[in-house]
Each structure stands twice: as structure tokens, then as C-alpha cells.
């Protein structure tokens, strides 16, 4: 007695294939269907969970894949809202970044985030950049951000960079991160320029020994 061909119900799968409208930009994949139904190979475009999933919809692999993608995007948004500048708004640009120090430009302001674990090399670079910045411009003010408080330290060209370095290290003993806000009021200083964050320029800034003990 020969084997009976599978019924139409057996040939159905819990995946439904949607073909996007003509002219849409899509990415197609080759998908092989195996299991209790007839093996088939075809080209598919957009794939969604079919109605046959029923109560198992939340446990479907596509639901998990979609959740993982959303969780990744959510995590990136949460990370961007952390740190001393989490309440900042407007367009910004990352000028330089090391393992524990990040420099971001926002309009006429520079947002510098220093994290616990900062090395002596990173601190030398930071102090060197601040020293070079104040030599190249006038009317810059420095703010120190710790937790939810922001304190104006005064004009950058009047700041004792040795004491500032000690203040940063003392803050990081109690907090995971602290911030420095450099607000230029007249013209953008050195740290607003991309070339000042290059390896050669950073080495030159360190050799100036601004704020070294």
C-alpha cells in the first residue's frame, strides 16, 4: 500500500510570507522548510509569525529575535542617557574617546566625561588638552559636574589644573563618573577642532606638562 500524500493542513507552516509592494527595497533570504511537511527551498522577503502559532506566539523564535533586536536598541538609548550629561539635548559630535575619557562637542560647549579607572596617561592627555584650549581662546568657562550637581569653577584661564586633577581623582573615589563642561562664549577653542585630537597633537599637549605635579 503506497504512502498517502500529506494533506493541505499538514503542508501549512507557522510562518507566513509577505511579499512587499513593487519597488520597495528589501533583503531576501533563502529558507528551507523541513520537518513534518514536504521539504522545499524558496526565496522569501518579509517573514512574520503566522496565525497557527496560537498560544505559543510568545515562545516563537521570531518573537525572540524581534525582542532581542528591540532590547539592543533600548540598551543603546539607555547608555546614551547615562553619565553627567544625560540631560543634555541637541546635536552633538564625539571628538575623541579613550577607555575612560570621552570628549563630545555640542554647539559652543565641550562635554568631557571621565570614568572611574582613568589612567595617568589619560589624565595627562586631558589636562594637556585643557591647557592648550585655554591658550588658544578667551572667554571659556569651566563647570564641574558630580552626580546631579553642577558647579561653576570659573574662567578656564584662571583654573589651577593641578588642583583640578586632584578634584577629579577625589570625585572618582565616590562616583563612577564625573564631567567637565567647557563653555566657550566668544569663539571655539582648540578642542573643537578635529586635528587637536590626533595622536601627534595629544603627544605634544602631554609634553607641555600642564597641571603636572
Protein backbone atom coordinates (compact mmCIF):
# COMPACT_ATOMS: atom_id res chain seq x y z
CA UNK A 1 0.00 0.00 0.00
CA UNK A 2 1.54 3.30 -1.06
CA UNK A 3 2.19 6.25 1.25
CA UNK A 4 -0.63 8.79 1.34
CA UNK A 5 0.35 12.31 0.25
CA UNK A 6 0.28 14.93 3.04
CA UNK A 7 -2.94 16.86 3.45
CA UNK A 8 -3.20 20.60 2.84
CA UNK A 9 -3.30 21.17 6.62
CA UNK A 10 -0.03 19.23 7.09
CA UNK A 11 1.64 21.34 4.40
CA UNK A 12 0.92 24.53 6.30
CA UNK A 13 3.60 26.06 8.46
CA UNK A 14 3.53 28.56 11.32
CA UNK A 15 5.38 31.09 9.15
CA UNK A 16 3.56 33.43 6.80
CA UNK A 17 5.49 35.03 3.94
CA UNK A 18 4.70 38.57 2.85
CA UNK A 19 5.82 39.99 -0.48
CA UNK A 20 6.37 43.77 -0.24
CA UNK A 21 4.93 46.13 -2.80
CA UNK A 22 6.77 46.56 -6.08
CA UNK A 23 9.70 48.95 -5.93
CA UNK A 24 10.32 48.56 -2.19
CA UNK A 25 13.89 47.99 -1.05
CA UNK A 26 14.04 44.54 0.57
CA UNK A 27 16.54 41.92 1.62
CA UNK A 28 15.64 38.40 0.55
CA UNK A 29 16.78 35.17 2.17
CA UNK A 30 16.88 31.52 1.14
CA UNK A 31 14.78 29.49 3.59
CA UNK A 32 14.49 25.66 3.72
CA UNK A 33 11.34 24.21 5.30
CA UNK A 34 11.90 20.84 6.97
CA UNK A 35 10.06 18.63 9.42
CA UNK A 36 6.64 17.02 9.06
CA UNK A 37 5.92 18.82 5.83
CA UNK A 38 7.29 18.43 2.35
CA UNK A 39 10.85 19.90 2.09
CA UNK A 40 11.00 22.98 -0.07
CA UNK A 41 13.52 25.68 -0.88
CA UNK A 42 12.44 29.13 -1.93
CA UNK A 43 13.08 32.87 -1.80
CA UNK A 44 11.30 34.82 0.92
CA UNK A 45 11.26 38.51 1.81
CA UNK A 46 9.43 39.64 4.94
CA UNK A 47 8.60 36.88 7.42
CA UNK A 48 6.09 37.18 10.25
CA UNK A 49 4.57 34.79 12.77
CA UNK A 50 1.55 33.01 11.31
CA UNK A 51 -1.83 32.59 12.94
CA UNK A 52 -1.14 28.90 13.51
CA UNK A 53 1.27 29.79 16.33
CA UNK A 54 -1.74 30.39 18.59
CA UNK A 55 -0.95 30.44 22.30
CA UNK A 56 2.70 29.67 21.57
CA UNK A 57 3.18 33.02 19.82
CA UNK A 58 5.31 34.46 22.63
CA UNK A 59 7.59 31.40 22.55
CA UNK A 60 8.09 31.53 18.78
CA UNK A 61 11.69 32.02 17.59
CA UNK A 62 10.72 35.08 15.55
CA UNK A 63 9.26 36.75 18.63
CA UNK A 64 12.56 36.16 20.44
CA UNK A 65 14.56 37.53 17.51
CA UNK A 66 12.41 40.66 17.39
CA UNK A 67 12.70 41.10 21.16
CA UNK A 68 16.50 40.77 21.00
CA UNK A 69 16.67 43.49 18.34
CA UNK A 70 14.49 45.83 20.36
CA UNK A 71 16.46 45.16 23.54
CA UNK A 72 19.69 46.10 21.78
CA UNK A 73 18.27 49.41 20.59
CA UNK A 74 16.81 50.08 24.03
CA UNK A 75 20.17 49.38 25.66
CA UNK A 76 21.90 51.87 23.36
CA UNK A 77 19.31 54.53 24.21
CA UNK A 78 19.76 53.86 27.93
CA UNK A 79 23.55 54.10 27.66
CA UNK A 80 23.28 57.44 25.87
CA UNK A 81 21.15 58.74 28.77
CA UNK A 82 23.68 57.89 31.47
CA UNK A 83 26.53 59.89 32.92
CA UNK A 84 26.95 63.53 33.89
CA UNK A 85 25.44 64.83 30.63
CA UNK A 86 22.34 62.61 30.49
CA UNK A 87 20.05 65.65 30.42
CA UNK A 88 21.85 67.37 27.52
CA UNK A 89 19.86 67.87 24.33
CA UNK A 90 20.63 68.94 20.79
CA UNK A 91 23.01 67.70 18.14
CA UNK A 92 26.47 66.66 19.26
CA UNK A 93 29.62 65.07 17.92
CA UNK A 94 32.13 62.77 19.61
CA UNK A 95 35.54 64.36 19.08
CA UNK A 96 37.69 61.78 20.86
CA UNK A 97 37.32 58.78 23.13
CA UNK A 98 39.59 56.55 25.18
CA UNK A 99 38.79 53.75 27.62
CA UNK A 100 37.79 56.14 30.43
CA UNK A 101 37.53 59.64 28.90
CA UNK A 102 35.08 60.86 26.24
CA UNK A 103 35.09 64.28 24.55
CA UNK A 104 31.86 65.49 22.93
CA UNK A 105 31.19 68.82 21.19
CA UNK A 106 27.75 70.39 21.46
CA UNK A 107 27.38 73.86 19.91
CA UNK A 108 29.95 76.06 21.75
CA UNK A 109 30.30 73.62 24.64
CA UNK A 110 32.60 70.67 25.22
CA UNK A 111 31.31 67.82 27.36
CA UNK A 112 34.08 65.72 28.88
CA UNK A 113 33.13 62.54 30.74
CA UNK A 114 35.76 60.92 32.98
CA UNK A 115 35.03 57.43 34.32
CA UNK A 116 36.47 55.58 37.30
CA UNK A 117 39.63 53.70 36.39
CA UNK A 118 41.10 56.56 34.34
CA UNK A 119 44.83 56.07 33.83
CA UNK A 120 47.66 58.55 34.37
CA UNK A 121 48.19 58.65 30.60
CA UNK A 122 44.54 59.59 30.02
CA UNK A 123 44.70 62.25 32.73
CA UNK A 124 47.87 63.72 31.22
CA UNK A 125 46.11 63.92 27.87
CA UNK A 126 43.02 65.55 29.39
CA UNK A 127 44.98 68.19 31.30
CA UNK A 128 47.14 68.82 28.23
CA UNK A 129 44.08 69.43 26.06
CA UNK A 130 42.57 71.81 28.62
CA UNK A 131 45.85 73.71 28.84
CA UNK A 132 46.14 74.03 25.06
CA UNK A 133 42.47 75.03 24.77
CA UNK A 134 42.79 77.96 27.18
CA UNK A 135 45.88 79.24 25.37
CA UNK A 136 44.04 79.34 22.05
CA UNK A 137 40.86 81.14 23.07
CA UNK A 138 39.36 83.62 25.54
CA UNK A 139 36.08 83.65 27.38
CA UNK A 140 35.93 79.94 28.23
CA UNK A 141 34.31 78.87 31.49
CA UNK A 142 34.70 75.55 33.24
CA UNK A 143 31.95 73.68 35.10
CA UNK A 144 32.48 70.59 37.26
CA UNK A 145 29.64 68.05 37.23
CA UNK A 146 29.33 65.50 40.02
CA UNK A 147 26.18 63.43 40.40
CA UNK A 148 23.23 65.76 39.91
CA UNK A 149 25.14 68.92 40.83
CA UNK A 150 26.95 71.31 38.50
CA UNK A 151 29.43 73.81 39.93
CA UNK A 152 30.96 76.70 38.04
CA UNK A 153 34.71 76.75 38.71
CA UNK A 154 35.33 79.99 36.84
CA UNK A 155 37.20 81.14 33.74
CA UNK A 156 39.32 78.36 32.26
CA UNK A 157 42.43 80.55 32.03
CA UNK A 158 42.29 81.07 35.82
CA UNK A 159 41.91 77.41 36.78
CA UNK A 160 44.78 75.67 38.58
CA UNK A 161 44.95 72.48 36.54
CA UNK A 162 46.89 70.64 39.25
CA UNK A 163 44.05 71.22 41.71
CA UNK A 164 41.52 70.28 39.04
CA UNK A 165 43.30 66.97 38.54
CA UNK A 166 43.16 66.26 42.27
CA UNK A 167 39.47 67.18 42.33
CA UNK A 168 38.70 64.72 39.53
CA UNK A 169 40.55 61.88 41.26
CA UNK A 170 38.83 62.63 44.56
CA UNK A 171 35.41 62.63 42.88
CA UNK A 172 36.02 59.27 41.20
CA UNK A 173 36.69 57.69 44.60
CA UNK A 174 32.99 58.19 45.38
CA UNK A 175 31.33 58.36 41.95
CA UNK A 176 31.57 56.16 38.88
CA UNK A 177 31.97 59.17 36.62
CA UNK A 178 32.26 62.94 36.67
CA UNK A 179 32.06 65.60 33.98
CA UNK A 180 33.79 68.75 32.84
CA UNK A 181 31.84 71.27 30.79
CA UNK A 182 33.92 73.80 28.87
CA UNK A 183 31.67 76.62 27.68
CA UNK A 184 33.17 78.90 25.04
CA UNK A 185 31.43 82.27 24.90
CA UNK A 186 33.41 84.07 22.17
CA UNK A 187 34.93 81.59 19.75
CA UNK A 188 35.53 77.90 19.60
CA UNK A 189 38.86 76.85 21.04
CA UNK A 190 41.34 74.14 20.17
CA UNK A 191 39.32 71.16 21.35
CA UNK A 192 36.52 71.99 18.93
CA UNK A 193 38.90 71.18 16.05
CA UNK A 194 39.24 67.58 14.94
CA UNK A 195 43.01 67.82 14.34
CA UNK A 196 43.65 68.61 18.01
CA UNK A 197 42.54 65.10 18.95
CA UNK A 198 45.03 63.34 16.71
CA UNK A 199 47.80 61.19 18.18
CA UNK A 200 50.59 63.64 17.35
CA UNK A 201 48.77 66.63 18.82
CA UNK A 202 47.88 64.75 22.01
CA UNK A 203 51.52 63.79 22.46
CA UNK A 204 52.51 67.45 22.10
CA UNK A 205 49.91 68.50 24.67
CA UNK A 206 51.23 65.95 27.18
CA UNK A 207 54.77 67.27 26.75
CA UNK A 208 53.63 70.75 27.81
CA UNK A 209 53.10 69.33 31.34
CA UNK A 210 50.02 71.39 32.16
CA UNK A 211 48.95 70.62 35.72
CA UNK A 212 51.66 68.03 36.32
CA UNK A 213 52.72 67.55 39.91
